[in-house]
Amino acid sequence: MSGSPPVLQLFQRDDCHLCDLALDVLARARAPAFESVFIDGDDALEARYGERVPVLRDAAGDRELGWPFDAEGVRSWLAAGQPS
């Protein structure tokens, strides 16, 4: 659907300090709503993301933004995924 907001997912682990920091960055960036996906115990997700978490994924555009990122970087990344 053209012009629809990205379907965002934040891949993270339980008890992950960097994931907590990423949540704060996303709040400061005023990122749209996203789904938190915990990879612990999911063999396929652990194989894909392993120690790379946190990773922000735009499922609609099949794009990923890996840590580290800041609020400005998130805003730029989100804007780059919008149709022109």
PDB file of N, CA and C in Angstrom:
ATOM      1  N   MET A   1       0.846  -1.173   0.000  1.00  0.00           N
ATOM      2  CA  MET A   1       0.000   0.000   0.000  1.00  0.00           C
ATOM      3  C   MET A   1       0.891   1.235   0.000  1.00  0.00           C
ATOM      4  N   SER A   2       0.793   2.068  -0.987  1.00  0.00           N
ATOM      5  CA  SER A   2       1.642   3.243  -1.132  1.00  0.00           C
ATOM      6  C   SER A   2       1.339   4.266  -0.043  1.00  0.00           C
ATOM      7  N   GLY A   3       2.415   4.836   0.511  1.00  0.00           N
ATOM      8  CA  GLY A   3       2.271   5.881   1.505  1.00  0.00           C
ATOM      9  C   GLY A   3       1.989   5.373   2.903  1.00  0.00           C
ATOM     10  N   SER A   4       1.903   4.058   3.095  1.00  0.00           N
ATOM     11  CA  SER A   4       1.652   3.534   4.435  1.00  0.00           C
ATOM     12  C   SER A   4       2.952   3.560   5.238  1.00  0.00           C
ATOM     13  N   PRO A   5       2.837   3.716   6.551  1.00  0.00           N
ATOM     14  CA  PRO A   5       4.045   3.765   7.375  1.00  0.00           C
ATOM     15  C   PRO A   5       4.748   2.415   7.360  1.00  0.00           C
ATOM     16  N   PRO A   6       6.043   2.404   7.634  1.00  0.00           N
ATOM     17  CA  PRO A   6       6.763   1.135   7.636  1.00  0.00           C
ATOM     18  C   PRO A   6       6.255   0.230   8.752  1.00  0.00           C
ATOM     19  N   VAL A   7       6.362  -1.052   8.521  1.00  0.00           N
ATOM     20  CA  VAL A   7       6.041  -2.031   9.549  1.00  0.00           C
ATOM     21  C   VAL A   7       7.359  -2.318  10.257  1.00  0.00           C
ATOM     22  N   LEU A   8       7.518  -1.717  11.424  1.00  0.00           N
ATOM     23  CA  LEU A   8       8.798  -1.791  12.129  1.00  0.00           C
ATOM     24  C   LEU A   8       8.804  -2.900  13.171  1.00  0.00           C
ATOM     25  N   GLN A   9       9.960  -3.527  13.260  1.00  0.00           N
ATOM     26  CA  GLN A   9      10.206  -4.536  14.278  1.00  0.00           C
ATOM     27  C   GLN A   9      11.553  -4.223  14.903  1.00  0.00           C
ATOM     28  N   LEU A  10      11.638  -4.345  16.221  1.00  0.00           N
ATOM     29  CA  LEU A  10      12.909  -4.209  16.913  1.00  0.00           C
ATOM     30  C   LEU A  10      13.279  -5.581  17.448  1.00  0.00           C
ATOM     31  N   PHE A  11      14.329  -6.161  16.874  1.00  0.00           N
ATOM     32  CA  PHE A  11      14.813  -7.459  17.333  1.00  0.00           C
ATOM     33  C   PHE A  11      15.733  -7.212  18.512  1.00  0.00           C
ATOM     34  N   GLN A  12      15.463  -7.931  19.604  1.00  0.00           N
ATOM     35  CA  GLN A  12      16.213  -7.704  20.830  1.00  0.00           C
ATOM     36  C   GLN A  12      16.269  -8.970  21.666  1.00  0.00           C
ATOM     37  N   ARG A  13      17.019  -8.894  22.754  1.00  0.00           N
ATOM     38  CA  ARG A  13      17.153  -9.998  23.698  1.00  0.00           C
ATOM     39  C   ARG A  13      16.650  -9.555  25.067  1.00  0.00           C
ATOM     40  N   ASP A  14      16.306 -10.520  25.891  1.00  0.00           N
ATOM     41  CA  ASP A  14      15.988 -10.232  27.286  1.00  0.00           C
ATOM     42  C   ASP A  14      17.257  -9.746  27.988  1.00  0.00           C
ATOM     43  N   ASP A  15      17.090  -8.871  28.964  1.00  0.00           N
ATOM     44  CA  ASP A  15      18.216  -8.379  29.773  1.00  0.00           C
ATOM     45  C   ASP A  15      19.367  -7.866  28.907  1.00  0.00           C
ATOM     46  N   CYS A  16      19.042  -7.035  27.932  1.00  0.00           N
ATOM     47  CA  CYS A  16      20.025  -6.498  26.984  1.00  0.00           C
ATOM     48  C   CYS A  16      20.138  -4.991  27.188  1.00  0.00           C
ATOM     49  N   HIS A  17      21.265  -4.549  27.735  1.00  0.00           N
ATOM     50  CA  HIS A  17      21.477  -3.131  27.997  1.00  0.00           C
ATOM     51  C   HIS A  17      21.407  -2.308  26.704  1.00  0.00           C
ATOM     52  N   LEU A  18      22.003  -2.800  25.641  1.00  0.00           N
ATOM     53  CA  LEU A  18      21.970  -2.069  24.374  1.00  0.00           C
ATOM     54  C   LEU A  18      20.549  -1.964  23.832  1.00  0.00           C
ATOM     55  N   CYS A  19      19.753  -3.001  24.064  1.00  0.00           N
ATOM     56  CA  CYS A  19      18.351  -2.968  23.624  1.00  0.00           C
ATOM     57  C   CYS A  19      17.583  -1.890  24.384  1.00  0.00           C
ATOM     58  N   ASP A  20      17.877  -1.752  25.677  1.00  0.00           N
ATOM     59  CA  ASP A  20      17.258  -0.687  26.473  1.00  0.00           C
ATOM     60  C   ASP A  20      17.647   0.679  25.926  1.00  0.00           C
ATOM     61  N   LEU A  21      18.915   0.833  25.554  1.00  0.00           N
ATOM     62  CA  LEU A  21      19.369   2.094  24.961  1.00  0.00           C
ATOM     63  C   LEU A  21      18.661   2.350  23.637  1.00  0.00           C
ATOM     64  N   ALA A  22      18.490   1.306  22.836  1.00  0.00           N
ATOM     65  CA  ALA A  22      17.806   1.457  21.544  1.00  0.00           C
ATOM     66  C   ALA A  22      16.365   1.917  21.742  1.00  0.00           C
ATOM     67  N   LEU A  23      15.691   1.391  22.746  1.00  0.00           N
ATOM     68  CA  LEU A  23      14.318   1.823  23.029  1.00  0.00           C
ATOM     69  C   LEU A  23      14.280   3.314  23.352  1.00  0.00           C
ATOM     70  N   ASP A  24      15.257   3.786  24.105  1.00  0.00           N
ATOM     71  CA  ASP A  24      15.342   5.207  24.431  1.00  0.00           C
ATOM     72  C   ASP A  24      15.587   6.044  23.173  1.00  0.00           C
ATOM     73  N   VAL A  25      16.480   5.578  22.308  1.00  0.00           N
ATOM     74  CA  VAL A  25      16.769   6.285  21.053  1.00  0.00           C
ATOM     75  C   VAL A  25      15.515   6.354  20.187  1.00  0.00           C
ATOM     76  N   LEU A  26      14.784   5.258  20.083  1.00  0.00           N
ATOM     77  CA  LEU A  26      13.564   5.246  19.267  1.00  0.00           C
ATOM     78  C   LEU A  26      12.523   6.217  19.821  1.00  0.00           C
ATOM     79  N   ALA A  27      12.448   6.318  21.139  1.00  0.00           N
ATOM     80  CA  ALA A  27      11.519   7.280  21.747  1.00  0.00           C
ATOM     81  C   ALA A  27      11.947   8.709  21.418  1.00  0.00           C
ATOM     82  N   ARG A  28      13.248   8.996  21.519  1.00  0.00           N
ATOM     83  CA  ARG A  28      13.738  10.349  21.198  1.00  0.00           C
ATOM     84  C   ARG A  28      13.566  10.676  19.728  1.00  0.00           C
ATOM     85  N   ALA A  29      13.640   9.655  18.867  1.00  0.00           N
ATOM     86  CA  ALA A  29      13.461   9.859  17.426  1.00  0.00           C
ATOM     87  C   ALA A  29      11.986   9.985  17.065  1.00  0.00           C
ATOM     88  N   ARG A  30      11.119   9.717  18.036  1.00  0.00           N
ATOM     89  CA  ARG A  30       9.670   9.695  17.799  1.00  0.00           C
ATOM     90  C   ARG A  30       9.329   8.744  16.661  1.00  0.00           C
ATOM     91  N   ALA A  31       9.951   7.582  16.728  1.00  0.00           N
ATOM     92  CA  ALA A  31       9.704   6.536  15.729  1.00  0.00           C
ATOM     93  C   ALA A  31       8.254   6.080  15.831  1.00  0.00           C
ATOM     94  N   PRO A  32       7.677   5.689  14.708  1.00  0.00           N
ATOM     95  CA  PRO A  32       6.305   5.162  14.760  1.00  0.00           C
ATOM     96  C   PRO A  32       6.265   3.858  15.563  1.00  0.00           C
ATOM     97  N   ALA A  33       5.076   3.415  15.838  1.00  0.00           N
ATOM     98  CA  ALA A  33       4.906   2.180  16.606  1.00  0.00           C
ATOM     99  C   ALA A  33       5.680   1.041  15.954  1.00  0.00           C
ATOM    100  N   PHE A  34       6.212   0.183  16.795  1.00  0.00           N
ATOM    101  CA  PHE A  34       6.975  -0.961  16.303  1.00  0.00           C
ATOM    102  C   PHE A  34       6.665  -2.170  17.173  1.00  0.00           C
ATOM    103  N   GLU A  35       6.975  -3.327  16.630  1.00  0.00           N
ATOM    104  CA  GLU A  35       6.798  -4.582  17.344  1.00  0.00           C
ATOM    105  C   GLU A  35       8.134  -4.981  17.957  1.00  0.00           C
ATOM    106  N   SER A  36       8.152  -5.307  19.234  1.00  0.00           N
ATOM    107  CA  SER A  36       9.348  -5.847  19.871  1.00  0.00           C
ATOM    108  C   SER A  36       9.376  -7.348  19.638  1.00  0.00           C
ATOM    109  N   VAL A  37      10.474  -7.828  19.066  1.00  0.00           N
ATOM    110  CA  VAL A  37      10.634  -9.255  18.796  1.00  0.00           C
ATOM    111  C   VAL A  37      11.850  -9.737  19.576  1.00  0.00           C
ATOM    112  N   PHE A  38      11.603 -10.607  20.544  1.00  0.00           N
ATOM    113  CA  PHE A  38      12.693 -11.152  21.351  1.00  0.00           C
ATOM    114  C   PHE A  38      13.191 -12.428  20.690  1.00  0.00           C
ATOM    115  N   ILE A  39      14.492 -12.469  20.412  1.00  0.00           N
ATOM    116  CA  ILE A  39      15.059 -13.586  19.653  1.00  0.00           C
ATOM    117  C   ILE A  39      15.435 -14.764  20.533  1.00  0.00           C
ATOM    118  N   ASP A  40      15.477 -14.564  21.849  1.00  0.00           N
ATOM    119  CA  ASP A  40      15.873 -15.640  22.762  1.00  0.00           C
ATOM    120  C   ASP A  40      14.973 -16.857  22.579  1.00  0.00           C
ATOM    121  N   GLY A  41      15.588 -18.015  22.394  1.00  0.00           N
ATOM    122  CA  GLY A  41      14.834 -19.258  22.278  1.00  0.00           C
ATOM    123  C   GLY A  41      14.305 -19.555  20.893  1.00  0.00           C
ATOM    124  N   ASP A  42      14.498 -18.646  19.933  1.00  0.00           N
ATOM    125  CA  ASP A  42      14.063 -18.884  18.555  1.00  0.00           C
ATOM    126  C   ASP A  42      15.313 -19.151  17.724  1.00  0.00           C
ATOM    127  N   ASP A  43      15.539 -20.406  17.399  1.00  0.00           N
ATOM    128  CA  ASP A  43      16.779 -20.799  16.722  1.00  0.00           C
ATOM    129  C   ASP A  43      17.023 -20.018  15.433  1.00  0.00           C
ATOM    130  N   ALA A  44      15.984 -19.830  14.637  1.00  0.00           N
ATOM    131  CA  ALA A  44      16.145 -19.131  13.360  1.00  0.00           C
ATOM    132  C   ALA A  44      16.530 -17.669  13.581  1.00  0.00           C
ATOM    133  N   LEU A  45      15.857 -17.005  14.528  1.00  0.00           N
ATOM    134  CA  LEU A  45      16.186 -15.598  14.785  1.00  0.00           C
ATOM    135  C   LEU A  45      17.554 -15.452  15.445  1.00  0.00           C
ATOM    136  N   GLU A  46      17.889 -16.378  16.343  1.00  0.00           N
ATOM    137  CA  GLU A  46      19.214 -16.320  16.962  1.00  0.00           C
ATOM    138  C   GLU A  46      20.311 -16.518  15.920  1.00  0.00           C
ATOM    139  N   ALA A  47      20.075 -17.407  14.956  1.00  0.00           N
ATOM    140  CA  ALA A  47      21.058 -17.628  13.897  1.00  0.00           C
ATOM    141  C   ALA A  47      21.196 -16.383  13.030  1.00  0.00           C
ATOM    142  N   ARG A  48      20.086 -15.712  12.772  1.00  0.00           N
ATOM    143  CA  ARG A  48      20.117 -14.532  11.893  1.00  0.00           C
ATOM    144  C   ARG A  48      20.685 -13.302  12.596  1.00  0.00           C
ATOM    145  N   TYR A  49      20.282 -13.075  13.842  1.00  0.00           N
ATOM    146  CA  TYR A  49      20.646 -11.834  14.521  1.00  0.00           C
ATOM    147  C   TYR A  49      21.714 -12.000  15.596  1.00  0.00           C
ATOM    148  N   GLY A  50      21.788 -13.167  16.202  1.00  0.00           N
ATOM    149  CA  GLY A  50      22.827 -13.465  17.180  1.00  0.00           C
ATOM    150  C   GLY A  50      23.197 -12.287  18.058  1.00  0.00           C
ATOM    151  N   GLU A  51      24.444 -11.904  17.990  1.00  0.00           N
ATOM    152  CA  GLU A  51      24.958 -10.813  18.815  1.00  0.00           C
ATOM    153  C   GLU A  51      24.759  -9.439  18.178  1.00  0.00           C
ATOM    154  N   ARG A  52      24.075  -9.372  17.030  1.00  0.00           N
ATOM    155  CA  ARG A  52      23.873  -8.085  16.349  1.00  0.00           C
ATOM    156  C   ARG A  52      22.790  -7.235  16.983  1.00  0.00           C
ATOM    157  N   VAL A  53      21.963  -7.799  17.855  1.00  0.00           N
ATOM    158  CA  VAL A  53      20.856  -7.045  18.420  1.00  0.00           C
ATOM    159  C   VAL A  53      21.376  -5.875  19.251  1.00  0.00           C
ATOM    160  N   PRO A  54      20.641  -4.805  19.301  1.00  0.00           N
ATOM    161  CA  PRO A  54      19.338  -4.583  18.696  1.00  0.00           C
ATOM    162  C   PRO A  54      19.439  -4.249  17.201  1.00  0.00           C
ATOM    163  N   VAL A  55      18.421  -4.687  16.470  1.00  0.00           N
ATOM    164  CA  VAL A  55      18.312  -4.404  15.043  1.00  0.00           C
ATOM    165  C   VAL A  55      16.891  -3.923  14.777  1.00  0.00           C
ATOM    166  N   LEU A  56      16.790  -2.765  14.127  1.00  0.00           N
ATOM    167  CA  LEU A  56      15.488  -2.234  13.726  1.00  0.00           C
ATOM    168  C   LEU A  56      15.248  -2.665  12.290  1.00  0.00           C
ATOM    169  N   ARG A  57      14.083  -3.257  12.034  1.00  0.00           N
ATOM    170  CA  ARG A  57      13.771  -3.778  10.697  1.00  0.00           C
ATOM    171  C   ARG A  57      12.487  -3.161  10.178  1.00  0.00           C
ATOM    172  N   ASP A  58      12.537  -2.738   8.928  1.00  0.00           N
ATOM    173  CA  ASP A  58      11.355  -2.281   8.197  1.00  0.00           C
ATOM    174  C   ASP A  58      10.926  -3.469   7.339  1.00  0.00           C
ATOM    175  N   ALA A  59       9.926  -4.197   7.816  1.00  0.00           N
ATOM    176  CA  ALA A  59       9.501  -5.413   7.127  1.00  0.00           C
ATOM    177  C   ALA A  59       8.918  -5.119   5.755  1.00  0.00           C
ATOM    178  N   ALA A  60       8.274  -3.964   5.613  1.00  0.00           N
ATOM    179  CA  ALA A  60       7.666  -3.617   4.329  1.00  0.00           C
ATOM    180  C   ALA A  60       8.738  -3.362   3.264  1.00  0.00           C
ATOM    181  N   GLY A  61       9.814  -2.722   3.654  1.00  0.00           N
ATOM    182  CA  GLY A  61      10.879  -2.397   2.704  1.00  0.00           C
ATOM    183  C   GLY A  61      12.037  -3.359   2.744  1.00  0.00           C
ATOM    184  N   ASP A  62      11.963  -4.356   3.643  1.00  0.00           N
ATOM    185  CA  ASP A  62      13.034  -5.333   3.812  1.00  0.00           C
ATOM    186  C   ASP A  62      14.380  -4.651   4.033  1.00  0.00           C
ATOM    187  N   ARG A  63      14.379  -3.672   4.971  1.00  0.00           N
ATOM    188  CA  ARG A  63      15.601  -2.945   5.319  1.00  0.00           C
ATOM    189  C   ARG A  63      15.874  -3.122   6.800  1.00  0.00           C
ATOM    190  N   GLU A  64      17.145  -3.071   7.176  1.00  0.00           N
ATOM    191  CA  GLU A  64      17.527  -3.188   8.569  1.00  0.00           C
ATOM    192  C   GLU A  64      18.502  -2.087   8.950  1.00  0.00           C
ATOM    193  N   LEU A  65      18.379  -1.651  10.192  1.00  0.00           N
ATOM    194  CA  LEU A  65      19.296  -0.679  10.778  1.00  0.00           C
ATOM    195  C   LEU A  65      19.870  -1.315  12.024  1.00  0.00           C
ATOM    196  N   GLY A  66      21.171  -1.605  11.975  1.00  0.00           N
ATOM    197  CA  GLY A  66      21.826  -2.253  13.106  1.00  0.00           C
ATOM    198  C   GLY A  66      22.382  -1.241  14.093  1.00  0.00           C
ATOM    199  N   TRP A  67      22.522  -1.685  15.325  1.00  0.00           N
ATOM    200  CA  TRP A  67      23.109  -0.883  16.377  1.00  0.00           C
ATOM    201  C   TRP A  67      24.582  -0.711  16.088  1.00  0.00           C
ATOM    202  N   PRO A  68      25.177   0.427  16.363  1.00  0.00           N
ATOM    203  CA  PRO A  68      24.620   1.576  17.073  1.00  0.00           C
ATOM    204  C   PRO A  68      23.916   2.538  16.130  1.00  0.00           C
ATOM    205  N   PHE A  69      22.848   3.162  16.640  1.00  0.00           N
ATOM    206  CA  PHE A  69      22.172   4.225  15.912  1.00  0.00           C
ATOM    207  C   PHE A  69      21.718   5.274  16.916  1.00  0.00           C
ATOM    208  N   ASP A  70      21.559   6.496  16.402  1.00  0.00           N
ATOM    209  CA  ASP A  70      21.078   7.585  17.246  1.00  0.00           C
ATOM    210  C   ASP A  70      19.754   8.093  16.677  1.00  0.00           C
ATOM    211  N   ALA A  71      19.150   9.054  17.370  1.00  0.00           N
ATOM    212  CA  ALA A  71      17.825   9.536  16.965  1.00  0.00           C
ATOM    213  C   ALA A  71      17.847  10.109  15.548  1.00  0.00           C
ATOM    214  N   GLU A  72      18.857  10.893  15.226  1.00  0.00           N
ATOM    215  CA  GLU A  72      18.939  11.484  13.888  1.00  0.00           C
ATOM    216  C   GLU A  72      19.117  10.396  12.836  1.00  0.00           C
ATOM    217  N   GLY A  73      19.929   9.393  13.142  1.00  0.00           N
ATOM    218  CA  GLY A  73      20.120   8.281  12.214  1.00  0.00           C
ATOM    219  C   GLY A  73      18.831   7.516  11.968  1.00  0.00           C
ATOM    220  N   VAL A  74      18.041   7.323  13.013  1.00  0.00           N
ATOM    221  CA  VAL A  74      16.756   6.631  12.868  1.00  0.00           C
ATOM    222  C   VAL A  74      15.821   7.447  11.991  1.00  0.00           C
ATOM    223  N   ARG A  75      15.747   8.753  12.253  1.00  0.00           N
ATOM    224  CA  ARG A  75      14.866   9.610  11.439  1.00  0.00           C
ATOM    225  C   ARG A  75      15.283   9.588   9.979  1.00  0.00           C
ATOM    226  N   SER A  76      16.567   9.661   9.713  1.00  0.00           N
ATOM    227  CA  SER A  76      17.069   9.629   8.327  1.00  0.00           C
ATOM    228  C   SER A  76      16.760   8.293   7.676  1.00  0.00           C
ATOM    229  N   TRP A  77      16.961   7.219   8.409  1.00  0.00           N
ATOM    230  CA  TRP A  77      16.714   5.867   7.901  1.00  0.00           C
ATOM    231  C   TRP A  77      15.230   5.696   7.574  1.00  0.00           C
ATOM    232  N   LEU A  78      14.364   6.185   8.463  1.00  0.00           N
ATOM    233  CA  LEU A  78      12.924   6.097   8.213  1.00  0.00           C
ATOM    234  C   LEU A  78      12.530   6.913   6.990  1.00  0.00           C
ATOM    235  N   ALA A  79      13.075   8.126   6.876  1.00  0.00           N
ATOM    236  CA  ALA A  79      12.746   9.000   5.739  1.00  0.00           C
ATOM    237  C   ALA A  79      13.219   8.381   4.418  1.00  0.00           C
ATOM    238  N   ALA A  80      14.366   7.722   4.443  1.00  0.00           N
ATOM    239  CA  ALA A  80      14.909   7.105   3.221  1.00  0.00           C
ATOM    240  C   ALA A  80      14.031   5.970   2.722  1.00  0.00           C
ATOM    241  N   GLY A  81      13.246   5.383   3.604  1.00  0.00           N
ATOM    242  CA  GLY A  81      12.382   4.274   3.208  1.00  0.00           C
ATOM    243  C   GLY A  81      11.011   4.711   2.707  1.00  0.00           C
ATOM    244  N   GLN A  82      10.730   5.992   2.782  1.00  0.00           N
ATOM    245  CA  GLN A  82       9.432   6.490   2.317  1.00  0.00           C
ATOM    246  C   GLN A  82       9.464   6.688   0.811  1.00  0.00           C
ATOM    247  N   PRO A  83       8.371   6.343   0.126  1.00  0.00           N
ATOM    248  CA  PRO A  83       8.325   6.580  -1.321  1.00  0.00           C
ATOM    249  C   PRO A  83       8.388   8.066  -1.623  1.00  0.00           C
ATOM    250  N   SER A  84       9.042   8.409  -2.718  1.00  0.00           N
ATOM    251  CA  SER A  84       9.168   9.835  -3.067  1.00  0.00           C
ATOM    252  C   SER A  84       8.006  10.338  -3.878  1.00  0.00           C
TER     253      SER A  84
END
